[in-house]
Amino acid sequence: MKLKNLFWFATGASISYHLVKNRKEIKTEVTESSQLVKGIQDNLAKIQRNLDIIQAQQTNLQELVTDFQYKTKLFSQQATASLKEIQDIWQPSKND
């Protein structure tokens, strides 16, 4: 039992020594990591806001698509009618 306690004491002392020895590097790493986490959280918030805006505009976009499809269909019908009129006007001229 005494050997186990000695092992844990030596392990703890070694870890403590390395922590104290590398404290500046560890502190720098912790600072950089916390700045990165804050940046990631800020980016996540921006992405969420942009996603909310996109979802809000989805309805408007669907209305525009429906309107565009209607106008395309109407234009196609008018173009077909105009083309038929032109063909009817030119057809008798060819027979004369």
PDB file of N, CA and C in Angstrom:
ATOM      1  N   MET A   1       0.819  -1.192   0.000  1.00  0.00           N
ATOM      2  CA  MET A   1       0.000   0.000   0.000  1.00  0.00           C
ATOM      3  C   MET A   1       0.863   1.257   0.000  1.00  0.00           C
ATOM      4  N   LYS A   2       1.986   1.208   0.688  1.00  0.00           N
ATOM      5  CA  LYS A   2       2.867   2.352   0.782  1.00  0.00           C
ATOM      6  C   LYS A   2       3.497   2.668  -0.586  1.00  0.00           C
ATOM      7  N   LEU A   3       3.787   1.649  -1.389  1.00  0.00           N
ATOM      8  CA  LEU A   3       4.377   1.836  -2.709  1.00  0.00           C
ATOM      9  C   LEU A   3       3.390   2.549  -3.633  1.00  0.00           C
ATOM     10  N   LYS A   4       2.124   2.204  -3.521  1.00  0.00           N
ATOM     11  CA  LYS A   4       1.078   2.845  -4.334  1.00  0.00           C
ATOM     12  C   LYS A   4       1.000   4.335  -4.024  1.00  0.00           C
ATOM     13  N   ASN A   5       1.034   4.671  -2.743  1.00  0.00           N
ATOM     14  CA  ASN A   5       0.986   6.083  -2.347  1.00  0.00           C
ATOM     15  C   ASN A   5       2.220   6.823  -2.833  1.00  0.00           C
ATOM     16  N   LEU A   6       3.359   6.183  -2.758  1.00  0.00           N
ATOM     17  CA  LEU A   6       4.595   6.789  -3.233  1.00  0.00           C
ATOM     18  C   LEU A   6       4.531   7.032  -4.743  1.00  0.00           C
ATOM     19  N   PHE A   7       3.977   6.076  -5.458  1.00  0.00           N
ATOM     20  CA  PHE A   7       3.820   6.224  -6.910  1.00  0.00           C
ATOM     21  C   PHE A   7       2.938   7.422  -7.232  1.00  0.00           C
ATOM     22  N   TRP A   8       1.794   7.552  -6.566  1.00  0.00           N
ATOM     23  CA  TRP A   8       0.885   8.662  -6.818  1.00  0.00           C
ATOM     24  C   TRP A   8       1.510  10.002  -6.438  1.00  0.00           C
ATOM     25  N   PHE A   9       2.280  10.013  -5.344  1.00  0.00           N
ATOM     26  CA  PHE A   9       2.970  11.234  -4.940  1.00  0.00           C
ATOM     27  C   PHE A   9       3.991  11.640  -6.004  1.00  0.00           C
ATOM     28  N   ALA A  10       4.765  10.690  -6.501  1.00  0.00           N
ATOM     29  CA  ALA A  10       5.780  10.986  -7.512  1.00  0.00           C
ATOM     30  C   ALA A  10       5.117  11.457  -8.801  1.00  0.00           C
ATOM     31  N   THR A  11       4.025  10.836  -9.183  1.00  0.00           N
ATOM     32  CA  THR A  11       3.297  11.243 -10.385  1.00  0.00           C
ATOM     33  C   THR A  11       2.758  12.666 -10.235  1.00  0.00           C
ATOM     34  N   GLY A  12       2.153  12.957  -9.101  1.00  0.00           N
ATOM     35  CA  GLY A  12       1.633  14.304  -8.835  1.00  0.00           C
ATOM     36  C   GLY A  12       2.740  15.337  -8.818  1.00  0.00           C
ATOM     37  N   ALA A  13       3.862  15.002  -8.209  1.00  0.00           N
ATOM     38  CA  ALA A  13       4.988  15.931  -8.154  1.00  0.00           C
ATOM     39  C   ALA A  13       5.533  16.186  -9.556  1.00  0.00           C
ATOM     40  N   SER A  14       5.610  15.150 -10.362  1.00  0.00           N
ATOM     41  CA  SER A  14       6.105  15.303 -11.731  1.00  0.00           C
ATOM     42  C   SER A  14       5.178  16.184 -12.554  1.00  0.00           C
ATOM     43  N   ILE A  15       3.895  15.929 -12.435  1.00  0.00           N
ATOM     44  CA  ILE A  15       2.907  16.751 -13.154  1.00  0.00           C
ATOM     45  C   ILE A  15       2.989  18.204 -12.691  1.00  0.00           C
ATOM     46  N   SER A  16       3.077  18.419 -11.399  1.00  0.00           N
ATOM     47  CA  SER A  16       3.171  19.781 -10.860  1.00  0.00           C
ATOM     48  C   SER A  16       4.420  20.475 -11.369  1.00  0.00           C
ATOM     49  N   TYR A  17       5.539  19.768 -11.376  1.00  0.00           N
ATOM     50  CA  TYR A  17       6.803  20.344 -11.870  1.00  0.00           C
ATOM     51  C   TYR A  17       6.655  20.773 -13.326  1.00  0.00           C
ATOM     52  N   HIS A  18       6.086  19.906 -14.147  1.00  0.00           N
ATOM     53  CA  HIS A  18       5.937  20.238 -15.572  1.00  0.00           C
ATOM     54  C   HIS A  18       4.946  21.388 -15.783  1.00  0.00           C
ATOM     55  N   LEU A  19       3.914  21.440 -14.967  1.00  0.00           N
ATOM     56  CA  LEU A  19       2.965  22.552 -15.067  1.00  0.00           C
ATOM     57  C   LEU A  19       3.632  23.878 -14.710  1.00  0.00           C
ATOM     58  N   VAL A  20       4.418  23.882 -13.633  1.00  0.00           N
ATOM     59  CA  VAL A  20       5.101  25.106 -13.219  1.00  0.00           C
ATOM     60  C   VAL A  20       6.167  25.481 -14.247  1.00  0.00           C
ATOM     61  N   LYS A  21       6.870  24.495 -14.748  1.00  0.00           N
ATOM     62  CA  LYS A  21       7.927  24.736 -15.725  1.00  0.00           C
ATOM     63  C   LYS A  21       7.367  25.347 -17.015  1.00  0.00           C
ATOM     64  N   ASN A  22       6.206  24.881 -17.444  1.00  0.00           N
ATOM     65  CA  ASN A  22       5.608  25.317 -18.718  1.00  0.00           C
ATOM     66  C   ASN A  22       4.424  26.253 -18.515  1.00  0.00           C
ATOM     67  N   ARG A  23       4.384  26.949 -17.384  1.00  0.00           N
ATOM     68  CA  ARG A  23       3.210  27.761 -17.058  1.00  0.00           C
ATOM     69  C   ARG A  23       2.967  28.882 -18.069  1.00  0.00           C
ATOM     70  N   LYS A  24       4.017  29.509 -18.599  1.00  0.00           N
ATOM     71  CA  LYS A  24       3.832  30.601 -19.566  1.00  0.00           C
ATOM     72  C   LYS A  24       3.218  30.070 -20.863  1.00  0.00           C
ATOM     73  N   GLU A  25       3.742  28.942 -21.338  1.00  0.00           N
ATOM     74  CA  GLU A  25       3.205  28.350 -22.562  1.00  0.00           C
ATOM     75  C   GLU A  25       1.765  27.892 -22.358  1.00  0.00           C
ATOM     76  N   ILE A  26       1.501  27.320 -21.188  1.00  0.00           N
ATOM     77  CA  ILE A  26       0.140  26.848 -20.883  1.00  0.00           C
ATOM     78  C   ILE A  26      -0.813  28.034 -20.804  1.00  0.00           C
ATOM     79  N   LYS A  27      -0.362  29.111 -20.150  1.00  0.00           N
ATOM     80  CA  LYS A  27      -1.203  30.306 -20.035  1.00  0.00           C
ATOM     81  C   LYS A  27      -1.499  30.887 -21.419  1.00  0.00           C
ATOM     82  N   THR A  28      -0.485  30.927 -22.288  1.00  0.00           N
ATOM     83  CA  THR A  28      -0.670  31.429 -23.653  1.00  0.00           C
ATOM     84  C   THR A  28      -1.657  30.553 -24.417  1.00  0.00           C
ATOM     85  N   GLU A  29      -1.505  29.249 -24.284  1.00  0.00           N
ATOM     86  CA  GLU A  29      -2.408  28.318 -24.962  1.00  0.00           C
ATOM     87  C   GLU A  29      -3.844  28.480 -24.471  1.00  0.00           C
ATOM     88  N   VAL A  30      -4.010  28.637 -23.166  1.00  0.00           N
ATOM     89  CA  VAL A  30      -5.360  28.812 -22.605  1.00  0.00           C
ATOM     90  C   VAL A  30      -5.979  30.109 -23.112  1.00  0.00           C
ATOM     91  N   THR A  31      -5.182  31.180 -23.158  1.00  0.00           N
ATOM     92  CA  THR A  31      -5.677  32.468 -23.650  1.00  0.00           C
ATOM     93  C   THR A  31      -6.079  32.366 -25.119  1.00  0.00           C
ATOM     94  N   GLU A  32      -5.203  31.763 -25.925  1.00  0.00           N
ATOM     95  CA  GLU A  32      -5.507  31.604 -27.351  1.00  0.00           C
ATOM     96  C   GLU A  32      -6.732  30.725 -27.555  1.00  0.00           C
ATOM     97  N   SER A  33      -6.832  29.667 -26.778  1.00  0.00           N
ATOM     98  CA  SER A  33      -7.987  28.767 -26.910  1.00  0.00           C
ATOM     99  C   SER A  33      -9.281  29.474 -26.547  1.00  0.00           C
ATOM    100  N   SER A  34      -9.248  30.285 -25.480  1.00  0.00           N
ATOM    101  CA  SER A  34     -10.481  30.983 -25.090  1.00  0.00           C
ATOM    102  C   SER A  34     -10.854  32.037 -26.137  1.00  0.00           C
ATOM    103  N   GLN A  35      -9.852  32.670 -26.770  1.00  0.00           N
ATOM    104  CA  GLN A  35     -10.152  33.620 -27.846  1.00  0.00           C
ATOM    105  C   GLN A  35     -10.754  32.899 -29.050  1.00  0.00           C
ATOM    106  N   LEU A  36     -10.222  31.724 -29.359  1.00  0.00           N
ATOM    107  CA  LEU A  36     -10.775  30.943 -30.466  1.00  0.00           C
ATOM    108  C   LEU A  36     -12.208  30.516 -30.174  1.00  0.00           C
ATOM    109  N   VAL A  37     -12.464  30.095 -28.950  1.00  0.00           N
ATOM    110  CA  VAL A  37     -13.824  29.680 -28.576  1.00  0.00           C
ATOM    111  C   VAL A  37     -14.780  30.861 -28.697  1.00  0.00           C
ATOM    112  N   LYS A  38     -14.342  32.040 -28.247  1.00  0.00           N
ATOM    113  CA  LYS A  38     -15.193  33.234 -28.354  1.00  0.00           C
ATOM    114  C   LYS A  38     -15.463  33.567 -29.825  1.00  0.00           C
ATOM    115  N   GLY A  39     -14.420  33.468 -30.669  1.00  0.00           N
ATOM    116  CA  GLY A  39     -14.593  33.722 -32.094  1.00  0.00           C
ATOM    117  C   GLY A  39     -15.553  32.732 -32.731  1.00  0.00           C
ATOM    118  N   ILE A  40     -15.440  31.474 -32.340  1.00  0.00           N
ATOM    119  CA  ILE A  40     -16.336  30.443 -32.868  1.00  0.00           C
ATOM    120  C   ILE A  40     -17.775  30.723 -32.436  1.00  0.00           C
ATOM    121  N   GLN A  41     -17.953  31.115 -31.189  1.00  0.00           N
ATOM    122  CA  GLN A  41     -19.303  31.425 -30.703  1.00  0.00           C
ATOM    123  C   GLN A  41     -19.887  32.628 -31.443  1.00  0.00           C
ATOM    124  N   ASP A  42     -19.062  33.646 -31.687  1.00  0.00           N
ATOM    125  CA  ASP A  42     -19.525  34.818 -32.446  1.00  0.00           C
ATOM    126  C   ASP A  42     -19.927  34.423 -33.867  1.00  0.00           C
ATOM    127  N   ASN A  43     -19.087  33.596 -34.509  1.00  0.00           N
ATOM    128  CA  ASN A  43     -19.403  33.133 -35.862  1.00  0.00           C
ATOM    129  C   ASN A  43     -20.675  32.303 -35.883  1.00  0.00           C
ATOM    130  N   LEU A  44     -20.860  31.477 -34.879  1.00  0.00           N
ATOM    131  CA  LEU A  44     -22.074  30.661 -34.796  1.00  0.00           C
ATOM    132  C   LEU A  44     -23.304  31.554 -34.659  1.00  0.00           C
ATOM    133  N   ALA A  45     -23.194  32.606 -33.861  1.00  0.00           N
ATOM    134  CA  ALA A  45     -24.321  33.537 -33.699  1.00  0.00           C
ATOM    135  C   ALA A  45     -24.627  34.244 -35.022  1.00  0.00           C
ATOM    136  N   LYS A  46     -23.573  34.645 -35.753  1.00  0.00           N
ATOM    137  CA  LYS A  46     -23.780  35.295 -37.061  1.00  0.00           C
ATOM    138  C   LYS A  46     -24.441  34.337 -38.044  1.00  0.00           C
ATOM    139  N   ILE A  47     -23.970  33.111 -38.054  1.00  0.00           N
ATOM    140  CA  ILE A  47     -24.548  32.106 -38.958  1.00  0.00           C
ATOM    141  C   ILE A  47     -26.019  31.886 -38.621  1.00  0.00           C
ATOM    142  N   GLN A  48     -26.332  31.820 -37.333  1.00  0.00           N
ATOM    143  CA  GLN A  48     -27.722  31.613 -36.919  1.00  0.00           C
ATOM    144  C   GLN A  48     -28.596  32.780 -37.359  1.00  0.00           C
ATOM    145  N   ARG A  49     -28.088  34.019 -37.199  1.00  0.00           N
ATOM    146  CA  ARG A  49     -28.856  35.192 -37.641  1.00  0.00           C
ATOM    147  C   ARG A  49     -29.071  35.157 -39.151  1.00  0.00           C
ATOM    148  N   ASN A  50     -28.025  34.817 -39.899  1.00  0.00           N
ATOM    149  CA  ASN A  50     -28.156  34.738 -41.359  1.00  0.00           C
ATOM    150  C   ASN A  50     -29.132  33.651 -41.766  1.00  0.00           C
ATOM    151  N   LEU A  51     -29.114  32.535 -41.077  1.00  0.00           N
ATOM    152  CA  LEU A  51     -30.056  31.457 -41.358  1.00  0.00           C
ATOM    153  C   LEU A  51     -31.487  31.905 -41.093  1.00  0.00           C
ATOM    154  N   ASP A  52     -31.694  32.648 -40.021  1.00  0.00           N
ATOM    155  CA  ASP A  52     -33.031  33.178 -39.723  1.00  0.00           C
ATOM    156  C   ASP A  52     -33.495  34.125 -40.828  1.00  0.00           C
ATOM    157  N   ILE A  53     -32.589  34.964 -41.322  1.00  0.00           N
ATOM    158  CA  ILE A  53     -32.936  35.896 -42.405  1.00  0.00           C
ATOM    159  C   ILE A  53     -33.294  35.119 -43.665  1.00  0.00           C
ATOM    160  N   ILE A  54     -32.510  34.107 -43.985  1.00  0.00           N
ATOM    161  CA  ILE A  54     -32.776  33.298 -45.185  1.00  0.00           C
ATOM    162  C   ILE A  54     -34.132  32.610 -45.069  1.00  0.00           C
ATOM    163  N   GLN A  55     -34.426  32.062 -43.917  1.00  0.00           N
ATOM    164  CA  GLN A  55     -35.712  31.390 -43.741  1.00  0.00           C
ATOM    165  C   GLN A  55     -36.866  32.382 -43.826  1.00  0.00           C
ATOM    166  N   ALA A  56     -36.651  33.596 -43.326  1.00  0.00           N
ATOM    167  CA  ALA A  56     -37.703  34.613 -43.408  1.00  0.00           C
ATOM    168  C   ALA A  56     -37.943  35.030 -44.861  1.00  0.00           C
ATOM    169  N   GLN A  57     -36.895  35.051 -45.657  1.00  0.00           N
ATOM    170  CA  GLN A  57     -37.022  35.466 -47.057  1.00  0.00           C
ATOM    171  C   GLN A  57     -37.487  34.330 -47.964  1.00  0.00           C
ATOM    172  N   GLN A  58     -37.523  33.123 -47.453  1.00  0.00           N
ATOM    173  CA  GLN A  58     -37.921  31.981 -48.274  1.00  0.00           C
ATOM    174  C   GLN A  58     -39.348  32.147 -48.800  1.00  0.00           C
ATOM    175  N   THR A  59     -40.245  32.672 -47.985  1.00  0.00           N
ATOM    176  CA  THR A  59     -41.621  32.898 -48.407  1.00  0.00           C
ATOM    177  C   THR A  59     -41.665  33.924 -49.543  1.00  0.00           C
ATOM    178  N   ASN A  60     -40.918  35.013 -49.380  1.00  0.00           N
ATOM    179  CA  ASN A  60     -40.878  36.038 -50.439  1.00  0.00           C
ATOM    180  C   ASN A  60     -40.326  35.456 -51.728  1.00  0.00           C
ATOM    181  N   LEU A  61     -39.307  34.649 -51.609  1.00  0.00           N
ATOM    182  CA  LEU A  61     -38.705  34.034 -52.788  1.00  0.00           C
ATOM    183  C   LEU A  61     -39.695  33.104 -53.478  1.00  0.00           C
ATOM    184  N   GLN A  62     -40.448  32.355 -52.712  1.00  0.00           N
ATOM    185  CA  GLN A  62     -41.445  31.452 -53.305  1.00  0.00           C
ATOM    186  C   GLN A  62     -42.517  32.242 -54.044  1.00  0.00           C
ATOM    187  N   GLU A  63     -42.929  33.385 -53.489  1.00  0.00           N
ATOM    188  CA  GLU A  63     -43.905  34.231 -54.173  1.00  0.00           C
ATOM    189  C   GLU A  63     -43.342  34.762 -55.482  1.00  0.00           C
ATOM    190  N   LEU A  64     -42.076  35.167 -55.476  1.00  0.00           N
ATOM    191  CA  LEU A  64     -41.444  35.656 -56.692  1.00  0.00           C
ATOM    192  C   LEU A  64     -41.345  34.560 -57.749  1.00  0.00           C
ATOM    193  N   VAL A  65     -41.026  33.349 -57.327  1.00  0.00           N
ATOM    194  CA  VAL A  65     -40.932  32.229 -58.271  1.00  0.00           C
ATOM    195  C   VAL A  65     -42.292  31.945 -58.892  1.00  0.00           C
ATOM    196  N   THR A  66     -43.329  31.942 -58.069  1.00  0.00           N
ATOM    197  CA  THR A  66     -44.682  31.706 -58.579  1.00  0.00           C
ATOM    198  C   THR A  66     -45.083  32.794 -59.570  1.00  0.00           C
ATOM    199  N   ASP A  67     -44.791  34.052 -59.233  1.00  0.00           N
ATOM    200  CA  ASP A  67     -45.107  35.167 -60.117  1.00  0.00           C
ATOM    201  C   ASP A  67     -44.330  35.050 -61.432  1.00  0.00           C
ATOM    202  N   PHE A  68     -43.062  34.701 -61.347  1.00  0.00           N
ATOM    203  CA  PHE A  68     -42.241  34.543 -62.545  1.00  0.00           C
ATOM    204  C   PHE A  68     -42.760  33.414 -63.428  1.00  0.00           C
ATOM    205  N   GLN A  69     -43.176  32.313 -62.819  1.00  0.00           N
ATOM    206  CA  GLN A  69     -43.728  31.201 -63.600  1.00  0.00           C
ATOM    207  C   GLN A  69     -45.009  31.629 -64.314  1.00  0.00           C
ATOM    208  N   TYR A  70     -45.865  32.381 -63.617  1.00  0.00           N
ATOM    209  CA  TYR A  70     -47.099  32.865 -64.226  1.00  0.00           C
ATOM    210  C   TYR A  70     -46.797  33.791 -65.401  1.00  0.00           C
ATOM    211  N   LYS A  71     -45.862  34.723 -65.195  1.00  0.00           N
ATOM    212  CA  LYS A  71     -45.535  35.670 -66.261  1.00  0.00           C
ATOM    213  C   LYS A  71     -44.877  34.961 -67.442  1.00  0.00           C
ATOM    214  N   THR A  72     -44.076  33.946 -67.190  1.00  0.00           N
ATOM    215  CA  THR A  72     -43.458  33.173 -68.269  1.00  0.00           C
ATOM    216  C   THR A  72     -44.520  32.447 -69.079  1.00  0.00           C
ATOM    217  N   LYS A  73     -45.493  31.870 -68.391  1.00  0.00           N
ATOM    218  CA  LYS A  73     -46.577  31.160 -69.075  1.00  0.00           C
ATOM    219  C   LYS A  73     -47.384  32.145 -69.922  1.00  0.00           C
ATOM    220  N   LEU A  74     -47.687  33.310 -69.352  1.00  0.00           N
ATOM    221  CA  LEU A  74     -48.445  34.332 -70.065  1.00  0.00           C
ATOM    222  C   LEU A  74     -47.668  34.825 -71.289  1.00  0.00           C
ATOM    223  N   PHE A  75     -46.384  35.067 -71.150  1.00  0.00           N
ATOM    224  CA  PHE A  75     -45.554  35.509 -72.263  1.00  0.00           C
ATOM    225  C   PHE A  75     -45.529  34.447 -73.358  1.00  0.00           C
ATOM    226  N   SER A  76     -45.415  33.195 -72.961  1.00  0.00           N
ATOM    227  CA  SER A  76     -45.385  32.104 -73.940  1.00  0.00           C
ATOM    228  C   SER A  76     -46.692  32.055 -74.733  1.00  0.00           C
ATOM    229  N   GLN A  77     -47.816  32.220 -74.050  1.00  0.00           N
ATOM    230  CA  GLN A  77     -49.106  32.211 -74.735  1.00  0.00           C
ATOM    231  C   GLN A  77     -49.228  33.399 -75.688  1.00  0.00           C
ATOM    232  N   GLN A  78     -48.790  34.574 -75.243  1.00  0.00           N
ATOM    233  CA  GLN A  78     -48.860  35.756 -76.097  1.00  0.00           C
ATOM    234  C   GLN A  78     -47.928  35.620 -77.300  1.00  0.00           C
ATOM    235  N   ALA A  79     -46.748  35.052 -77.085  1.00  0.00           N
ATOM    236  CA  ALA A  79     -45.805  34.868 -78.183  1.00  0.00           C
ATOM    237  C   ALA A  79     -46.360  33.878 -79.199  1.00  0.00           C
ATOM    238  N   THR A  80     -46.990  32.823 -78.718  1.00  0.00           N
ATOM    239  CA  THR A  80     -47.588  31.842 -79.630  1.00  0.00           C
ATOM    240  C   THR A  80     -48.705  32.481 -80.441  1.00  0.00           C
ATOM    241  N   ALA A  81     -49.543  33.280 -79.801  1.00  0.00           N
ATOM    242  CA  ALA A  81     -50.634  33.957 -80.510  1.00  0.00           C
ATOM    243  C   ALA A  81     -50.072  34.947 -81.539  1.00  0.00           C
ATOM    244  N   SER A  82     -49.061  35.703 -81.168  1.00  0.00           N
ATOM    245  CA  SER A  82     -48.454  36.661 -82.103  1.00  0.00           C
ATOM    246  C   SER A  82     -47.811  35.936 -83.271  1.00  0.00           C
ATOM    247  N   LEU A  83     -47.143  34.844 -83.016  1.00  0.00           N
ATOM    248  CA  LEU A  83     -46.513  34.068 -84.077  1.00  0.00           C
ATOM    249  C   LEU A  83     -47.566  33.511 -85.033  1.00  0.00           C
ATOM    250  N   LYS A  84     -48.689  33.063 -84.486  1.00  0.00           N
ATOM    251  CA  LYS A  84     -49.771  32.552 -85.328  1.00  0.00           C
ATOM    252  C   LYS A  84     -50.326  33.665 -86.207  1.00  0.00           C
ATOM    253  N   GLU A  85     -50.497  34.872 -85.634  1.00  0.00           N
ATOM    254  CA  GLU A  85     -50.986  36.014 -86.419  1.00  0.00           C
ATOM    255  C   GLU A  85     -50.020  36.350 -87.551  1.00  0.00           C
ATOM    256  N   ILE A  86     -48.745  36.355 -87.244  1.00  0.00           N
ATOM    257  CA  ILE A  86     -47.739  36.656 -88.271  1.00  0.00           C
ATOM    258  C   ILE A  86     -47.777  35.600 -89.369  1.00  0.00           C
ATOM    259  N   GLN A  87     -47.900  34.361 -88.969  1.00  0.00           N
ATOM    260  CA  GLN A  87     -47.956  33.288 -89.961  1.00  0.00           C
ATOM    261  C   GLN A  87     -49.216  33.403 -90.817  1.00  0.00           C
ATOM    262  N   ASP A  88     -50.345  33.778 -90.194  1.00  0.00           N
ATOM    263  CA  ASP A  88     -51.594  33.952 -90.952  1.00  0.00           C
ATOM    264  C   ASP A  88     -51.465  35.113 -91.935  1.00  0.00           C
ATOM    265  N   ILE A  89     -50.782  36.194 -91.541  1.00  0.00           N
ATOM    266  CA  ILE A  89     -50.598  37.342 -92.430  1.00  0.00           C
ATOM    267  C   ILE A  89     -49.698  36.964 -93.597  1.00  0.00           C
ATOM    268  N   TRP A  90     -48.638  36.253 -93.369  1.00  0.00           N
ATOM    269  CA  TRP A  90     -47.679  35.897 -94.417  1.00  0.00           C
ATOM    270  C   TRP A  90     -48.158  34.745 -95.279  1.00  0.00           C
ATOM    271  N   GLN A  91     -48.988  33.892 -94.748  1.00  0.00           N
ATOM    272  CA  GLN A  91     -49.433  32.710 -95.500  1.00  0.00           C
ATOM    273  C   GLN A  91     -50.203  33.090 -96.755  1.00  0.00           C
ATOM    274  N   PRO A  92     -51.199  33.995 -96.699  1.00  0.00           N
ATOM    275  CA  PRO A  92     -51.913  34.332 -97.941  1.00  0.00           C
ATOM    276  C   PRO A  92     -50.997  35.025 -98.950  1.00  0.00           C
ATOM    277  N   SER A  93     -50.002  35.761 -98.510  1.00  0.00           N
ATOM    278  CA  SER A  93     -49.084  36.430 -99.440  1.00  0.00           C
ATOM    279  C   SER A  93     -48.292  35.427-100.229  1.00  0.00           C
ATOM    280  N   LYS A  94     -47.964  34.309 -99.694  1.00  0.00           N
ATOM    281  CA  LYS A  94     -47.215  33.292-100.411  1.00  0.00           C
ATOM    282  C   LYS A  94     -48.078  32.617-101.461  1.00  0.00           C
ATOM    283  N   ASN A  95     -49.368  32.509-101.250  1.00  0.00           N
ATOM    284  CA  ASN A  95     -50.265  31.851-102.190  1.00  0.00           C
ATOM    285  C   ASN A  95     -50.596  32.733-103.381  1.00  0.00           C
ATOM    286  N   ASP A  96     -50.436  34.053-103.275  1.00  0.00           N
ATOM    287  CA  ASP A  96     -50.792  34.968-104.389  1.00  0.00           C
ATOM    288  C   ASP A  96     -49.869  34.862-105.541  1.00  0.00           C
TER     289      ASP A  96
END
